[in-house]
Structures are given as C-alpha cells and as structure tokens.
Amino acid sequence: MPVTIYHNPRCSKSRTTLQLIQDQGVEPAIVEYLETPPSAAELKAILAKLGKGPRDILRRKEAKEEGLAPDLDGDALIAAMVAHPRVIERPIVVNGDKAAMGRPPESVLEIL
C-alpha cells in the first residue's frame, strides 16, 4: 500500500512535507483534498490512524470563515469537513495503518 499525502499545493508546510517524503526515496500518492475531499468514512479512518478527533484537525479560522457552528462535534463535524475540506488541517500523511500530521513536516518521518 503506497504512502498517501493529503496535500494542498498552495500550502508551504504541505509542499515541504511532500519534498521531505520524496527526499526519503518515497513517491507518495498525492490527494489534492480540496479538489477530491475524503469521504466521511475515509476521514474517520484517517482520524483513527492519527489517534485524534475531528476537532484536533480543524483549522479554526477557516471553519469560522465557512460559517461552521462552533459546537459541531463527532459525525456532524466530520460531515462539515467533507463538505468544506479547506477546514481540514494539512498535510496529513498516511502509511498503512499509521498516519501523521505534517506539522512540523519532520513529524511524518516516523511513519515512513
């Protein structure tokens, strides 16, 4: 199963993380999640691999700009993230049953 990066090419942290993965000799599958957002099931699986809840990967400024209710939680928050993918923190790297946030980019090295 290939390494996958949920990537936003306009984000410097995302670009740095992608380069760091490639520098390790790994050519990841690149999912530009703003164009191809994960489904609710995929997002739940990613969260399980991260060991985090949806609020842990929420970009608060973008959530406010999108008008998401601040009290959303659980499945309602996941549904909002799928509908408004720009509120998902980036980048997220998945390798098999492990995942890591690329903040800082070096944190993904431990799952490669």
PDB file of N, CA and C in Angstrom:
ATOM      1  N   MET A   1       0.850  -1.184   0.000  1.00  0.00           N
ATOM      2  CA  MET A   1       0.000   0.000   0.000  1.00  0.00           C
ATOM      3  C   MET A   1       0.893   1.244   0.000  1.00  0.00           C
ATOM      4  N   PRO A   2       0.667   2.150  -0.936  1.00  0.00           N
ATOM      5  CA  PRO A   2       1.554   3.309  -1.026  1.00  0.00           C
ATOM      6  C   PRO A   2       1.298   4.321   0.092  1.00  0.00           C
ATOM      7  N   VAL A   3       2.306   5.127   0.334  1.00  0.00           N
ATOM      8  CA  VAL A   3       2.164   6.265   1.233  1.00  0.00           C
ATOM      9  C   VAL A   3       1.267   7.279   0.526  1.00  0.00           C
ATOM     10  N   THR A   4       0.355   7.891   1.262  1.00  0.00           N
ATOM     11  CA  THR A   4      -0.551   8.878   0.694  1.00  0.00           C
ATOM     12  C   THR A   4      -0.406  10.184   1.449  1.00  0.00           C
ATOM     13  N   ILE A   5      -0.363  11.297   0.707  1.00  0.00           N
ATOM     14  CA  ILE A   5      -0.352  12.608   1.334  1.00  0.00           C
ATOM     15  C   ILE A   5      -1.607  13.368   0.903  1.00  0.00           C
ATOM     16  N   TYR A   6      -2.321  13.857   1.900  1.00  0.00           N
ATOM     17  CA  TYR A   6      -3.459  14.749   1.646  1.00  0.00           C
ATOM     18  C   TYR A   6      -2.861  16.139   1.599  1.00  0.00           C
ATOM     19  N   HIS A   7      -2.818  16.692   0.394  1.00  0.00           N
ATOM     20  CA  HIS A   7      -1.916  17.780   0.039  1.00  0.00           C
ATOM     21  C   HIS A   7      -2.684  18.993  -0.487  1.00  0.00           C
ATOM     22  N   ASN A   8      -2.187  20.162  -0.118  1.00  0.00           N
ATOM     23  CA  ASN A   8      -2.650  21.416  -0.717  1.00  0.00           C
ATOM     24  C   ASN A   8      -1.411  22.082  -1.308  1.00  0.00           C
ATOM     25  N   PRO A   9      -1.284  22.108  -2.640  1.00  0.00           N
ATOM     26  CA  PRO A   9      -0.058  22.630  -3.250  1.00  0.00           C
ATOM     27  C   PRO A   9       0.195  24.109  -2.944  1.00  0.00           C
ATOM     28  N   ARG A  10      -0.819  24.841  -2.476  1.00  0.00           N
ATOM     29  CA  ARG A  10      -0.607  26.258  -2.152  1.00  0.00           C
ATOM     30  C   ARG A  10      -0.083  26.460  -0.725  1.00  0.00           C
ATOM     31  N   CYS A  11       0.009  25.383   0.044  1.00  0.00           N
ATOM     32  CA  CYS A  11       0.445  25.461   1.441  1.00  0.00           C
ATOM     33  C   CYS A  11       1.932  25.119   1.539  1.00  0.00           C
ATOM     34  N   SER A  12       2.717  26.017   2.136  1.00  0.00           N
ATOM     35  CA  SER A  12       4.164  25.788   2.226  1.00  0.00           C
ATOM     36  C   SER A  12       4.496  24.561   3.075  1.00  0.00           C
ATOM     37  N   LYS A  13       3.766  24.336   4.174  1.00  0.00           N
ATOM     38  CA  LYS A  13       4.024  23.147   5.016  1.00  0.00           C
ATOM     39  C   LYS A  13       3.732  21.866   4.233  1.00  0.00           C
ATOM     40  N   SER A  14       2.692  21.910   3.426  1.00  0.00           N
ATOM     41  CA  SER A  14       2.331  20.746   2.623  1.00  0.00           C
ATOM     42  C   SER A  14       3.412  20.478   1.567  1.00  0.00           C
ATOM     43  N   ARG A  15       3.879  21.525   0.904  1.00  0.00           N
ATOM     44  CA  ARG A  15       4.938  21.362  -0.107  1.00  0.00           C
ATOM     45  C   ARG A  15       6.230  20.854   0.539  1.00  0.00           C
ATOM     46  N   THR A  16       6.577  21.394   1.707  1.00  0.00           N
ATOM     47  CA  THR A  16       7.792  20.970   2.402  1.00  0.00           C
ATOM     48  C   THR A  16       7.691  19.499   2.806  1.00  0.00           C
ATOM     49  N   THR A  17       6.515  19.101   3.303  1.00  0.00           N
ATOM     50  CA  THR A  17       6.308  17.707   3.714  1.00  0.00           C
ATOM     51  C   THR A  17       6.422  16.772   2.518  1.00  0.00           C
ATOM     52  N   LEU A  18       5.812  17.140   1.398  1.00  0.00           N
ATOM     53  CA  LEU A  18       5.899  16.315   0.190  1.00  0.00           C
ATOM     54  C   LEU A  18       7.354  16.153  -0.240  1.00  0.00           C
ATOM     55  N   GLN A  19       8.108  17.242  -0.230  1.00  0.00           N
ATOM     56  CA  GLN A  19       9.527  17.180  -0.618  1.00  0.00           C
ATOM     57  C   GLN A  19      10.313  16.291   0.336  1.00  0.00           C
ATOM     58  N   LEU A  20      10.017  16.392   1.613  1.00  0.00           N
ATOM     59  CA  LEU A  20      10.701  15.584   2.627  1.00  0.00           C
ATOM     60  C   LEU A  20      10.452  14.091   2.381  1.00  0.00           C
ATOM     61  N   ILE A  21       9.207  13.740   2.048  1.00  0.00           N
ATOM     62  CA  ILE A  21       8.866  12.332   1.751  1.00  0.00           C
ATOM     63  C   ILE A  21       9.633  11.873   0.509  1.00  0.00           C
ATOM     64  N   GLN A  22       9.621  12.702  -0.542  1.00  0.00           N
ATOM     65  CA  GLN A  22      10.322  12.342  -1.780  1.00  0.00           C
ATOM     66  C   GLN A  22      11.823  12.230  -1.547  1.00  0.00           C
ATOM     67  N   ASP A  23      12.375  13.071  -0.669  1.00  0.00           N
ATOM     68  CA  ASP A  23      13.803  13.006  -0.356  1.00  0.00           C
ATOM     69  C   ASP A  23      14.175  11.692   0.336  1.00  0.00           C
ATOM     70  N   GLN A  24      13.167  11.010   0.918  1.00  0.00           N
ATOM     71  CA  GLN A  24      13.400   9.704   1.550  1.00  0.00           C
ATOM     72  C   GLN A  24      13.314   8.570   0.524  1.00  0.00           C
ATOM     73  N   GLY A  25      13.116   8.923  -0.753  1.00  0.00           N
ATOM     74  CA  GLY A  25      13.005   7.917  -1.799  1.00  0.00           C
ATOM     75  C   GLY A  25      11.607   7.335  -1.927  1.00  0.00           C
ATOM     76  N   VAL A  26      10.631   7.994  -1.315  1.00  0.00           N
ATOM     77  CA  VAL A  26       9.245   7.521  -1.356  1.00  0.00           C
ATOM     78  C   VAL A  26       8.460   8.427  -2.299  1.00  0.00           C
ATOM     79  N   GLU A  27       7.749   7.826  -3.244  1.00  0.00           N
ATOM     80  CA  GLU A  27       6.893   8.607  -4.153  1.00  0.00           C
ATOM     81  C   GLU A  27       5.453   8.373  -3.719  1.00  0.00           C
ATOM     82  N   PRO A  28       4.896   9.304  -2.934  1.00  0.00           N
ATOM     83  CA  PRO A  28       3.566   9.073  -2.380  1.00  0.00           C
ATOM     84  C   PRO A  28       2.452   9.296  -3.397  1.00  0.00           C
ATOM     85  N   ALA A  29       1.315   8.678  -3.118  1.00  0.00           N
ATOM     86  CA  ALA A  29       0.097   9.031  -3.845  1.00  0.00           C
ATOM     87  C   ALA A  29      -0.318  10.403  -3.312  1.00  0.00           C
ATOM     88  N   ILE A  30      -0.611  11.322  -4.204  1.00  0.00           N
ATOM     89  CA  ILE A  30      -0.945  12.684  -3.799  1.00  0.00           C
ATOM     90  C   ILE A  30      -2.443  12.898  -3.989  1.00  0.00           C
ATOM     91  N   VAL A  31      -3.118  13.225  -2.897  1.00  0.00           N
ATOM     92  CA  VAL A  31      -4.543  13.539  -2.948  1.00  0.00           C
ATOM     93  C   VAL A  31      -4.675  15.034  -2.682  1.00  0.00           C
ATOM     94  N   GLU A  32      -5.046  15.775  -3.714  1.00  0.00           N
ATOM     95  CA  GLU A  32      -5.303  17.200  -3.516  1.00  0.00           C
ATOM     96  C   GLU A  32      -6.707  17.299  -2.932  1.00  0.00           C
ATOM     97  N   TYR A  33      -6.758  17.304  -1.603  1.00  0.00           N
ATOM     98  CA  TYR A  33      -8.023  17.105  -0.912  1.00  0.00           C
ATOM     99  C   TYR A  33      -9.019  18.249  -1.089  1.00  0.00           C
ATOM    100  N   LEU A  34      -8.566  19.407  -1.557  1.00  0.00           N
ATOM    101  CA  LEU A  34      -9.530  20.480  -1.835  1.00  0.00           C
ATOM    102  C   LEU A  34     -10.352  20.143  -3.075  1.00  0.00           C
ATOM    103  N   GLU A  35      -9.720  19.444  -4.045  1.00  0.00           N
ATOM    104  CA  GLU A  35     -10.425  19.011  -5.256  1.00  0.00           C
ATOM    105  C   GLU A  35     -11.131  17.671  -5.044  1.00  0.00           C
ATOM    106  N   THR A  36     -10.502  16.782  -4.263  1.00  0.00           N
ATOM    107  CA  THR A  36     -11.033  15.443  -4.018  1.00  0.00           C
ATOM    108  C   THR A  36     -11.072  15.202  -2.517  1.00  0.00           C
ATOM    109  N   PRO A  37     -12.086  15.747  -1.835  1.00  0.00           N
ATOM    110  CA  PRO A  37     -12.111  15.575  -0.381  1.00  0.00           C
ATOM    111  C   PRO A  37     -12.347  14.116   0.002  1.00  0.00           C
ATOM    112  N   PRO A  38     -11.805  13.712   1.144  1.00  0.00           N
ATOM    113  CA  PRO A  38     -12.077  12.357   1.607  1.00  0.00           C
ATOM    114  C   PRO A  38     -13.554  12.225   1.967  1.00  0.00           C
ATOM    115  N   SER A  39     -14.082  11.004   1.854  1.00  0.00           N
ATOM    116  CA  SER A  39     -15.452  10.752   2.304  1.00  0.00           C
ATOM    117  C   SER A  39     -15.456  10.768   3.834  1.00  0.00           C
ATOM    118  N   ALA A  40     -16.648  10.770   4.410  1.00  0.00           N
ATOM    119  CA  ALA A  40     -16.757  10.720   5.870  1.00  0.00           C
ATOM    120  C   ALA A  40     -16.073   9.464   6.406  1.00  0.00           C
ATOM    121  N   ALA A  41     -16.262   8.330   5.727  1.00  0.00           N
ATOM    122  CA  ALA A  41     -15.641   7.072   6.171  1.00  0.00           C
ATOM    123  C   ALA A  41     -14.116   7.161   6.080  1.00  0.00           C
ATOM    124  N   GLU A  42     -13.612   7.737   4.991  1.00  0.00           N
ATOM    125  CA  GLU A  42     -12.156   7.883   4.847  1.00  0.00           C
ATOM    126  C   GLU A  42     -11.607   8.801   5.936  1.00  0.00           C
ATOM    127  N   LEU A  43     -12.313   9.898   6.201  1.00  0.00           N
ATOM    128  CA  LEU A  43     -11.853  10.843   7.218  1.00  0.00           C
ATOM    129  C   LEU A  43     -11.851  10.187   8.599  1.00  0.00           C
ATOM    130  N   LYS A  44     -12.870   9.389   8.900  1.00  0.00           N
ATOM    131  CA  LYS A  44     -12.904   8.669  10.179  1.00  0.00           C
ATOM    132  C   LYS A  44     -11.726   7.703  10.286  1.00  0.00           C
ATOM    133  N   ALA A  45     -11.415   7.015   9.186  1.00  0.00           N
ATOM    134  CA  ALA A  45     -10.289   6.070   9.193  1.00  0.00           C
ATOM    135  C   ALA A  45      -8.969   6.809   9.408  1.00  0.00           C
ATOM    136  N   ILE A  46      -8.820   7.969   8.759  1.00  0.00           N
ATOM    137  CA  ILE A  46      -7.605   8.771   8.926  1.00  0.00           C
ATOM    138  C   ILE A  46      -7.484   9.234  10.375  1.00  0.00           C
ATOM    139  N   LEU A  47      -8.591   9.705  10.952  1.00  0.00           N
ATOM    140  CA  LEU A  47      -8.574  10.152  12.345  1.00  0.00           C
ATOM    141  C   LEU A  47      -8.188   9.025  13.286  1.00  0.00           C
ATOM    142  N   ALA A  48      -8.701   7.818  13.019  1.00  0.00           N
ATOM    143  CA  ALA A  48      -8.355   6.665  13.860  1.00  0.00           C
ATOM    144  C   ALA A  48      -6.854   6.389  13.783  1.00  0.00           C
ATOM    145  N   LYS A  49      -6.291   6.477  12.581  1.00  0.00           N
ATOM    146  CA  LYS A  49      -4.850   6.248  12.411  1.00  0.00           C
ATOM    147  C   LYS A  49      -4.031   7.335  13.084  1.00  0.00           C
ATOM    148  N   LEU A  50      -4.556   8.565  13.083  1.00  0.00           N
ATOM    149  CA  LEU A  50      -3.874   9.679  13.760  1.00  0.00           C
ATOM    150  C   LEU A  50      -4.025   9.590  15.277  1.00  0.00           C
ATOM    151  N   GLY A  51      -5.075   8.884  15.720  1.00  0.00           N
ATOM    152  CA  GLY A  51      -5.388   8.859  17.150  1.00  0.00           C
ATOM    153  C   GLY A  51      -5.944  10.200  17.609  1.00  0.00           C
ATOM    154  N   LYS A  52      -6.691  10.860  16.725  1.00  0.00           N
ATOM    155  CA  LYS A  52      -7.218  12.191  17.022  1.00  0.00           C
ATOM    156  C   LYS A  52      -8.717  12.231  16.740  1.00  0.00           C
ATOM    157  N   GLY A  53      -9.368  13.236  17.286  1.00  0.00           N
ATOM    158  CA  GLY A  53     -10.760  13.505  16.982  1.00  0.00           C
ATOM    159  C   GLY A  53     -10.847  14.575  15.916  1.00  0.00           C
ATOM    160  N   PRO A  54     -12.032  14.773  15.331  1.00  0.00           N
ATOM    161  CA  PRO A  54     -12.164  15.752  14.246  1.00  0.00           C
ATOM    162  C   PRO A  54     -11.763  17.167  14.658  1.00  0.00           C
ATOM    163  N   ARG A  55     -12.058  17.546  15.890  1.00  0.00           N
ATOM    164  CA  ARG A  55     -11.711  18.909  16.337  1.00  0.00           C
ATOM    165  C   ARG A  55     -10.189  19.116  16.335  1.00  0.00           C
ATOM    166  N   ASP A  56      -9.420  18.017  16.509  1.00  0.00           N
ATOM    167  CA  ASP A  56      -7.954  18.108  16.546  1.00  0.00           C
ATOM    168  C   ASP A  56      -7.343  18.485  15.203  1.00  0.00           C
ATOM    169  N   ILE A  57      -8.084  18.275  14.104  1.00  0.00           N
ATOM    170  CA  ILE A  57      -7.537  18.600  12.780  1.00  0.00           C
ATOM    171  C   ILE A  57      -8.349  19.710  12.111  1.00  0.00           C
ATOM    172  N   LEU A  58      -9.042  20.485  12.923  1.00  0.00           N
ATOM    173  CA  LEU A  58      -9.879  21.566  12.402  1.00  0.00           C
ATOM    174  C   LEU A  58      -9.086  22.861  12.340  1.00  0.00           C
ATOM    175  N   ARG A  59      -9.098  23.491  11.173  1.00  0.00           N
ATOM    176  CA  ARG A  59      -8.498  24.816  11.021  1.00  0.00           C
ATOM    177  C   ARG A  59      -9.562  25.825  11.460  1.00  0.00           C
ATOM    178  N   ARG A  60      -9.368  26.387  12.646  1.00  0.00           N
ATOM    179  CA  ARG A  60     -10.405  27.215  13.258  1.00  0.00           C
ATOM    180  C   ARG A  60     -10.757  28.470  12.464  1.00  0.00           C
ATOM    181  N   LYS A  61      -9.748  29.150  11.942  1.00  0.00           N
ATOM    182  CA  LYS A  61     -10.015  30.379  11.174  1.00  0.00           C
ATOM    183  C   LYS A  61     -10.886  30.057   9.952  1.00  0.00           C
ATOM    184  N   GLU A  62     -10.514  29.001   9.217  1.00  0.00           N
ATOM    185  CA  GLU A  62     -11.263  28.609   8.029  1.00  0.00           C
ATOM    186  C   GLU A  62     -12.666  28.127   8.402  1.00  0.00           C
ATOM    187  N   ALA A  63     -12.789  27.423   9.537  1.00  0.00           N
ATOM    188  CA  ALA A  63     -14.106  26.953   9.977  1.00  0.00           C
ATOM    189  C   ALA A  63     -15.026  28.144  10.241  1.00  0.00           C
ATOM    190  N   LYS A  64     -14.467  29.170  10.867  1.00  0.00           N
ATOM    191  CA  LYS A  64     -15.262  30.377  11.131  1.00  0.00           C
ATOM    192  C   LYS A  64     -15.658  31.049   9.818  1.00  0.00           C
ATOM    193  N   GLU A  65     -14.701  31.134   8.882  1.00  0.00           N
ATOM    194  CA  GLU A  65     -14.980  31.745   7.571  1.00  0.00           C
ATOM    195  C   GLU A  65     -16.055  30.968   6.813  1.00  0.00           C
ATOM    196  N   GLU A  66     -16.082  29.648   6.995  1.00  0.00           N
ATOM    197  CA  GLU A  66     -17.084  28.805   6.318  1.00  0.00           C
ATOM    198  C   GLU A  66     -18.426  28.837   7.045  1.00  0.00           C
ATOM    199  N   GLY A  67     -18.454  29.485   8.214  1.00  0.00           N
ATOM    200  CA  GLY A  67     -19.708  29.589   8.961  1.00  0.00           C
ATOM    201  C   GLY A  67     -20.103  28.323   9.693  1.00  0.00           C
ATOM    202  N   LEU A  68     -19.123  27.471  10.001  1.00  0.00           N
ATOM    203  CA  LEU A  68     -19.446  26.239  10.720  1.00  0.00           C
ATOM    204  C   LEU A  68     -19.780  26.573  12.170  1.00  0.00           C
ATOM    205  N   ALA A  69     -20.812  25.955  12.692  1.00  0.00           N
ATOM    206  CA  ALA A  69     -21.206  26.186  14.080  1.00  0.00           C
ATOM    207  C   ALA A  69     -20.077  25.724  15.002  1.00  0.00           C
ATOM    208  N   PRO A  70     -19.681  26.557  15.971  1.00  0.00           N
ATOM    209  CA  PRO A  70     -18.552  26.196  16.839  1.00  0.00           C
ATOM    210  C   PRO A  70     -18.817  24.978  17.722  1.00  0.00           C
ATOM    211  N   ASP A  71     -20.084  24.595  17.896  1.00  0.00           N
ATOM    212  CA  ASP A  71     -20.389  23.467  18.764  1.00  0.00           C
ATOM    213  C   ASP A  71     -20.540  22.142  18.014  1.00  0.00           C
ATOM    214  N   LEU A  72     -20.257  22.129  16.710  1.00  0.00           N
ATOM    215  CA  LEU A  72     -20.315  20.869  15.960  1.00  0.00           C
ATOM    216  C   LEU A  72     -19.323  19.882  16.555  1.00  0.00           C
ATOM    217  N   ASP A  73     -19.691  18.622  16.567  1.00  0.00           N
ATOM    218  CA  ASP A  73     -18.776  17.610  17.068  1.00  0.00           C
ATOM    219  C   ASP A  73     -19.091  16.274  16.403  1.00  0.00           C
ATOM    220  N   GLY A  74     -18.187  15.351  16.535  1.00  0.00           N
ATOM    221  CA  GLY A  74     -18.408  13.991  16.042  1.00  0.00           C
ATOM    222  C   GLY A  74     -18.768  13.943  14.574  1.00  0.00           C
ATOM    223  N   ASP A  75     -19.821  13.181  14.265  1.00  0.00           N
ATOM    224  CA  ASP A  75     -20.216  12.965  12.883  1.00  0.00           C
ATOM    225  C   ASP A  75     -20.623  14.259  12.184  1.00  0.00           C
ATOM    226  N   ALA A  76     -21.235  15.190  12.923  1.00  0.00           N
ATOM    227  CA  ALA A  76     -21.642  16.466  12.317  1.00  0.00           C
ATOM    228  C   ALA A  76     -20.412  17.260  11.882  1.00  0.00           C
ATOM    229  N   LEU A  77     -19.374  17.241  12.692  1.00  0.00           N
ATOM    230  CA  LEU A  77     -18.145  17.952  12.334  1.00  0.00           C
ATOM    231  C   LEU A  77     -17.458  17.261  11.152  1.00  0.00           C
ATOM    232  N   ILE A  78     -17.438  15.938  11.136  1.00  0.00           N
ATOM    233  CA  ILE A  78     -16.843  15.201  10.018  1.00  0.00           C
ATOM    234  C   ILE A  78     -17.597  15.521   8.727  1.00  0.00           C
ATOM    235  N   ALA A  79     -18.922  15.536   8.782  1.00  0.00           N
ATOM    236  CA  ALA A  79     -19.722  15.873   7.596  1.00  0.00           C
ATOM    237  C   ALA A  79     -19.407  17.285   7.117  1.00  0.00           C
ATOM    238  N   ALA A  80     -19.224  18.220   8.041  1.00  0.00           N
ATOM    239  CA  ALA A  80     -18.888  19.601   7.678  1.00  0.00           C
ATOM    240  C   ALA A  80     -17.498  19.666   7.043  1.00  0.00           C
ATOM    241  N   MET A  81     -16.577  18.851   7.530  1.00  0.00           N
ATOM    242  CA  MET A  81     -15.223  18.827   6.975  1.00  0.00           C
ATOM    243  C   MET A  81     -15.225  18.279   5.551  1.00  0.00           C
ATOM    244  N   VAL A  82     -16.057  17.274   5.296  1.00  0.00           N
ATOM    245  CA  VAL A  82     -16.164  16.708   3.952  1.00  0.00           C
ATOM    246  C   VAL A  82     -16.777  17.755   3.006  1.00  0.00           C
ATOM    247  N   ALA A  83     -17.776  18.479   3.497  1.00  0.00           N
ATOM    248  CA  ALA A  83     -18.445  19.499   2.677  1.00  0.00           C
ATOM    249  C   ALA A  83     -17.568  20.731   2.461  1.00  0.00           C
ATOM    250  N   HIS A  84     -16.692  21.020   3.428  1.00  0.00           N
ATOM    251  CA  HIS A  84     -15.822  22.215   3.374  1.00  0.00           C
ATOM    252  C   HIS A  84     -14.381  21.778   3.664  1.00  0.00           C
ATOM    253  N   PRO A  85     -13.722  21.096   2.706  1.00  0.00           N
ATOM    254  CA  PRO A  85     -12.415  20.488   3.002  1.00  0.00           C
ATOM    255  C   PRO A  85     -11.326  21.492   3.382  1.00  0.00           C
ATOM    256  N   ARG A  86     -11.501  22.765   3.075  1.00  0.00           N
ATOM    257  CA  ARG A  86     -10.445  23.718   3.451  1.00  0.00           C
ATOM    258  C   ARG A  86     -10.315  23.871   4.958  1.00  0.00           C
ATOM    259  N   VAL A  87     -11.280  23.374   5.726  1.00  0.00           N
ATOM    260  CA  VAL A  87     -11.185  23.462   7.187  1.00  0.00           C
ATOM    261  C   VAL A  87     -10.346  22.331   7.781  1.00  0.00           C
ATOM    262  N   ILE A  88      -9.904  21.375   6.941  1.00  0.00           N
ATOM    263  CA  ILE A  88      -9.077  20.253   7.419  1.00  0.00           C
ATOM    264  C   ILE A  88      -7.622  20.700   7.470  1.00  0.00           C
ATOM    265  N   GLU A  89      -6.997  20.476   8.624  1.00  0.00           N
ATOM    266  CA  GLU A  89      -5.573  20.801   8.784  1.00  0.00           C
ATOM    267  C   GLU A  89      -4.762  19.979   7.799  1.00  0.00           C
ATOM    268  N   ARG A  90      -3.694  20.528   7.311  1.00  0.00           N
ATOM    269  CA  ARG A  90      -2.888  19.877   6.294  1.00  0.00           C
ATOM    270  C   ARG A  90      -1.409  20.019   6.628  1.00  0.00           C
ATOM    271  N   PRO A  91      -0.588  19.210   6.021  1.00  0.00           N
ATOM    272  CA  PRO A  91      -0.896  17.986   5.288  1.00  0.00           C
ATOM    273  C   PRO A  91      -1.062  16.813   6.246  1.00  0.00           C
ATOM    274  N   ILE A  92      -1.730  15.790   5.784  1.00  0.00           N
ATOM    275  CA  ILE A  92      -1.841  14.539   6.526  1.00  0.00           C
ATOM    276  C   ILE A  92      -1.212  13.457   5.652  1.00  0.00           C
ATOM    277  N   VAL A  93      -0.341  12.666   6.258  1.00  0.00           N
ATOM    278  CA  VAL A  93       0.335  11.585   5.537  1.00  0.00           C
ATOM    279  C   VAL A  93      -0.106  10.261   6.151  1.00  0.00           C
ATOM    280  N   VAL A  94      -0.503   9.318   5.284  1.00  0.00           N
ATOM    281  CA  VAL A  94      -0.955   8.005   5.732  1.00  0.00           C
ATOM    282  C   VAL A  94      -0.032   6.954   5.132  1.00  0.00           C
ATOM    283  N   ASN A  95       0.402   6.017   5.969  1.00  0.00           N
ATOM    284  CA  ASN A  95       1.225   4.897   5.522  1.00  0.00           C
ATOM    285  C   ASN A  95       0.682   3.646   6.200  1.00  0.00           C
ATOM    286  N   GLY A  96      -0.106   2.857   5.454  1.00  0.00           N
ATOM    287  CA  GLY A  96      -0.693   1.648   6.027  1.00  0.00           C
ATOM    288  C   GLY A  96      -1.643   2.000   7.152  1.00  0.00           C
ATOM    289  N   ASP A  97      -1.353   1.464   8.367  1.00  0.00           N
ATOM    290  CA  ASP A  97      -2.245   1.724   9.499  1.00  0.00           C
ATOM    291  C   ASP A  97      -1.761   2.880  10.369  1.00  0.00           C
ATOM    292  N   LYS A  98      -0.792   3.653   9.843  1.00  0.00           N
ATOM    293  CA  LYS A  98      -0.258   4.794  10.585  1.00  0.00           C
ATOM    294  C   LYS A  98      -0.523   6.080   9.811  1.00  0.00           C
ATOM    295  N   ALA A  99      -0.630   7.175  10.545  1.00  0.00           N
ATOM    296  CA  ALA A  99      -0.796   8.481   9.912  1.00  0.00           C
ATOM    297  C   ALA A  99      -0.117   9.522  10.785  1.00  0.00           C
ATOM    298  N   ALA A 100       0.256  10.652  10.165  1.00  0.00           N
ATOM    299  CA  ALA A 100       0.886  11.749  10.900  1.00  0.00           C
ATOM    300  C   ALA A 100       0.520  13.068  10.234  1.00  0.00           C
ATOM    301  N   MET A 101       0.453  14.094  11.056  1.00  0.00           N
ATOM    302  CA  MET A 101       0.274  15.465  10.555  1.00  0.00           C
ATOM    303  C   MET A 101       1.652  15.984  10.163  1.00  0.00           C
ATOM    304  N   GLY A 102       1.710  16.715   9.080  1.00  0.00           N
ATOM    305  CA  GLY A 102       2.972  17.310   8.653  1.00  0.00           C
ATOM    306  C   GLY A 102       3.219  18.666   9.304  1.00  0.00           C
ATOM    307  N   ARG A 103       2.975  18.764  10.593  1.00  0.00           N
ATOM    308  CA  ARG A 103       3.209  19.998  11.349  1.00  0.00           C
ATOM    309  C   ARG A 103       3.918  19.634  12.637  1.00  0.00           C
ATOM    310  N   PRO A 104       5.222  19.750  12.704  1.00  0.00           N
ATOM    311  CA  PRO A 104       6.130  20.175  11.630  1.00  0.00           C
ATOM    312  C   PRO A 104       6.311  19.058  10.595  1.00  0.00           C
ATOM    313  N   PRO A 105       6.794  19.415   9.407  1.00  0.00           N
ATOM    314  CA  PRO A 105       6.941  18.414   8.343  1.00  0.00           C
ATOM    315  C   PRO A 105       7.721  17.175   8.771  1.00  0.00           C
ATOM    316  N   GLU A 106       8.738  17.348   9.620  1.00  0.00           N
ATOM    317  CA  GLU A 106       9.590  16.220  10.037  1.00  0.00           C
ATOM    318  C   GLU A 106       8.814  15.157  10.807  1.00  0.00           C
ATOM    319  N   SER A 107       7.640  15.515  11.347  1.00  0.00           N
ATOM    320  CA  SER A 107       6.896  14.538  12.155  1.00  0.00           C
ATOM    321  C   SER A 107       6.409  13.350  11.314  1.00  0.00           C
ATOM    322  N   VAL A 108       6.369  13.474   9.990  1.00  0.00           N
ATOM    323  CA  VAL A 108       5.918  12.348   9.154  1.00  0.00           C
ATOM    324  C   VAL A 108       7.012  11.297   8.983  1.00  0.00           C
ATOM    325  N   LEU A 109       8.254  11.651   9.258  1.00  0.00           N
ATOM    326  CA  LEU A 109       9.363  10.708   9.039  1.00  0.00           C
ATOM    327  C   LEU A 109       9.192   9.432   9.851  1.00  0.00           C
ATOM    328  N   GLU A 110       8.604   9.536  11.047  1.00  0.00           N
ATOM    329  CA  GLU A 110       8.481   8.360  11.912  1.00  0.00           C
ATOM    330  C   GLU A 110       7.514   7.315  11.377  1.00  0.00           C
ATOM    331  N   ILE A 111       6.663   7.662  10.399  1.00  0.00           N
ATOM    332  CA  ILE A 111       5.734   6.643   9.869  1.00  0.00           C
ATOM    333  C   ILE A 111       6.161   6.128   8.494  1.00  0.00           C
ATOM    334  N   LEU A 112       7.258   6.639   7.946  1.00  0.00           N
ATOM    335  CA  LEU A 112       7.684   6.195   6.604  1.00  0.00           C
ATOM    336  C   LEU A 112       8.405   4.863   6.671  1.00  0.00           C
TER     337      LEU A 112
END
